[in-house]
C-alpha atoms as a PDB file:
ATOM      1  CA  MET A   1       0.149  -0.469   0.193  1.00  0.00           C
ATOM      2  CA  GLY A   2       1.666   3.898  -1.087  1.00  0.00           C
ATOM      3  CA  ILE A   3       0.555   6.903   0.464  1.00  0.00           C
ATOM      4  CA  VAL A   4      -1.789   8.424  -1.275  1.00  0.00           C
ATOM      5  CA  ILE A   5      -0.739  11.981  -1.722  1.00  0.00           C
ATOM      6  CA  VAL A   6      -4.159  14.775  -2.485  1.00  0.00           C
ATOM      7  CA  THR A   7      -2.876  17.860  -4.280  1.00  0.00           C
ATOM      8  CA  LYS A   8      -4.627  21.097  -3.359  1.00  0.00           C
ATOM      9  CA  ILE A   9      -6.064  21.473  -6.986  1.00  0.00           C
ATOM     10  CA  ARG A  10      -7.841  18.105  -6.197  1.00  0.00           C
ATOM     11  CA  LEU A  11      -8.565  19.130  -2.641  1.00  0.00           C
ATOM     12  CA  GLY A  12     -10.169  22.476  -3.726  1.00  0.00           C
ATOM     13  CA  ASP A  13     -12.029  20.717  -6.666  1.00  0.00           C
ATOM     14  CA  TYR A  14     -13.554  18.212  -3.780  1.00  0.00           C
ATOM     15  CA  VAL A  15     -14.510  21.003  -1.367  1.00  0.00           C
ATOM     16  CA  PHE A  16     -16.168  22.442  -4.214  1.00  0.00           C
ATOM     17  CA  GLU A  17     -18.450  19.853  -5.020  1.00  0.00           C
ATOM     18  CA  LEU A  18     -18.832  18.842  -1.811  1.00  0.00           C
ATOM     19  CA  GLY A  19     -20.606  22.693  -1.008  1.00  0.00           C
ATOM     20  CA  LYS A  20     -22.457  22.825  -4.254  1.00  0.00           C
ATOM     21  CA  SER A  21     -24.065  19.067  -3.282  1.00  0.00           C
ATOM     22  CA  SER A  22     -24.683  19.993   0.089  1.00  0.00           C
ATOM     23  CA  LEU A  23     -26.513  23.769  -1.309  1.00  0.00           C
ATOM     24  CA  TYR A  24     -28.695  21.621  -3.638  1.00  0.00           C
ATOM     25  CA  ASP A  25     -29.416  19.273  -0.650  1.00  0.00           C
ATOM     26  CA  PHE A  26     -30.100  22.002   1.393  1.00  0.00           C
ATOM     27  CA  LYS A  27     -32.887  23.933  -2.180  1.00  0.00           C
ATOM     28  CA  ALA A  28     -34.094  20.371  -1.803  1.00  0.00           C
ATOM     29  CA  SER A  29     -35.439  20.130   1.567  1.00  0.00           C
ATOM     30  CA  TYR A  30     -35.126  23.901   2.982  1.00  0.00           C
ATOM     31  CA  LYS A  31     -39.334  23.437   3.815  1.00  0.00           C
ATOM     32  CA  ARG A  32     -39.171  21.148   5.905  1.00  0.00           C
ATOM     33  CA  TYR A  33     -36.148  22.929   7.652  1.00  0.00           C
ATOM     34  CA  LEU A  34     -38.018  26.181   8.288  1.00  0.00           C
ATOM     35  CA  THR A  35     -41.236  24.049   8.946  1.00  0.00           C
ATOM     36  CA  PHE A  36     -39.379  22.137  12.199  1.00  0.00           C
ATOM     37  CA  ALA A  37     -38.154  25.215  13.444  1.00  0.00           C
ATOM     38  CA  LEU A  38     -41.256  27.374  13.082  1.00  0.00           C
ATOM     39  CA  LEU A  39     -43.204  24.246  15.070  1.00  0.00           C
ATOM     40  CA  TYR A  40     -39.926  24.299  17.420  1.00  0.00           C
ATOM     41  CA  MET A  41     -40.351  27.960  18.441  1.00  0.00           C
ATOM     42  CA  PHE A  42     -44.369  27.628  18.604  1.00  0.00           C
ATOM     43  CA  PHE A  43     -44.309  24.925  21.254  1.00  0.00           C
ATOM     44  CA  THR A  44     -41.612  26.198  23.399  1.00  0.00           C
ATOM     45  CA  GLY A  45     -43.069  29.619  23.077  1.00  0.00           C
ATOM     46  CA  PHE A  46     -46.557  28.620  23.803  1.00  0.00           C
ATOM     47  CA  LEU A  47     -46.122  25.335  25.884  1.00  0.00           C
ATOM     48  CA  PHE A  48     -42.863  24.760  27.334  1.00  0.00           C
ATOM     49  CA  VAL A  49     -42.129  28.375  28.686  1.00  0.00           C
ATOM     50  CA  PRO A  50     -45.275  28.889  30.703  1.00  0.00           C
ATOM     51  CA  LEU A  51     -45.565  25.699  31.848  1.00  0.00           C
ATOM     52  CA  ILE A  52     -42.115  25.817  33.664  1.00  0.00           C
ATOM     53  CA  THR A  53     -42.989  29.152  34.610  1.00  0.00           C
ATOM     54  CA  TYR A  54     -46.130  27.874  36.412  1.00  0.00           C
ATOM     55  CA  ILE A  55     -44.437  25.280  38.021  1.00  0.00           C
ATOM     56  CA  PHE A  56     -41.156  27.412  39.377  1.00  0.00           C
ATOM     57  CA  ASN A  57     -44.173  30.166  40.576  1.00  0.00           C
ATOM     58  CA  ARG A  58     -45.706  27.328  42.696  1.00  0.00           C
ATOM     59  CA  MET A  59     -42.754  26.291  44.154  1.00  0.00           C
ATOM     60  CA  ILE A  60     -42.118  30.141  45.367  1.00  0.00           C
ATOM     61  CA  ARG A  61     -45.725  30.133  46.652  1.00  0.00           C
ATOM     62  CA  GLY A  62     -45.352  26.662  48.331  1.00  0.00           C
ATOM     63  CA  ILE A  63     -41.817  27.937  49.812  1.00  0.00           C
ATOM     64  CA  SER A  64     -43.235  31.430  50.713  1.00  0.00           C
ATOM     65  CA  THR A  65     -39.766  33.055  50.168  1.00  0.00           C
ATOM     66  CA  GLY A  66     -38.997  35.639  47.896  1.00  0.00           C
ATOM     67  CA  SER A  67     -36.181  33.314  46.643  1.00  0.00           C
ATOM     68  CA  LEU A  68     -35.705  29.634  45.773  1.00  0.00           C
ATOM     69  CA  LEU A  69     -32.456  27.980  45.983  1.00  0.00           C
ATOM     70  CA  ASN A  70     -31.354  24.105  44.708  1.00  0.00           C
ATOM     71  CA  ALA A  71     -31.574  22.668  48.345  1.00  0.00           C
ATOM     72  CA  ASP A  72     -35.145  23.957  48.014  1.00  0.00           C
ATOM     73  CA  VAL A  73     -35.971  22.664  44.824  1.00  0.00           C
ATOM     74  CA  TYR A  74     -34.808  19.253  45.845  1.00  0.00           C
ATOM     75  CA  LYS A  75     -37.196  19.167  49.371  1.00  0.00           C
ATOM     76  CA  ILE A  76     -40.260  20.196  47.101  1.00  0.00           C
ATOM     77  CA  VAL A  77     -39.665  17.409  44.765  1.00  0.00           C
ATOM     78  CA  LEU A  78     -38.014  15.000  46.993  1.00  0.00           C
ATOM     79  CA  SER A  79     -41.083  15.900  49.421  1.00  0.00           C
ATOM     80  CA  SER A  80     -44.563  14.086  49.235  1.00  0.00           C
ATOM     81  CA  THR A  81     -46.144  17.687  50.957  1.00  0.00           C
ATOM     82  CA  GLY A  82     -44.146  19.518  48.941  1.00  0.00           C
ATOM     83  CA  LEU A  83     -45.068  18.053  45.559  1.00  0.00           C
ATOM     84  CA  ILE A  84     -49.022  18.620  46.975  1.00  0.00           C
ATOM     85  CA  ARG A  85     -48.616  22.081  47.443  1.00  0.00           C
ATOM     86  CA  VAL A  86     -47.169  22.736  43.952  1.00  0.00           C
ATOM     87  CA  CYS A  87     -49.839  21.008  42.095  1.00  0.00           C
END
């Protein structure tokens, strides 16, 4: 087996062809990418963020302090009374 040496010309041609095929693939499927991005932004903005905010708000109300530490979160989640207060 010998060592294969790739010259700059061949490497440049390869990179150009790779870029060209990538652009062609993107043109063929950009609608799917945009649809996925819009659905992801919708679900994140209108479902997940309000849900997490609600849960965080309930935890702070359950402790009845203005701040919430990591240890407090563990106490709430791991105790049955804490979970009842959150719900």
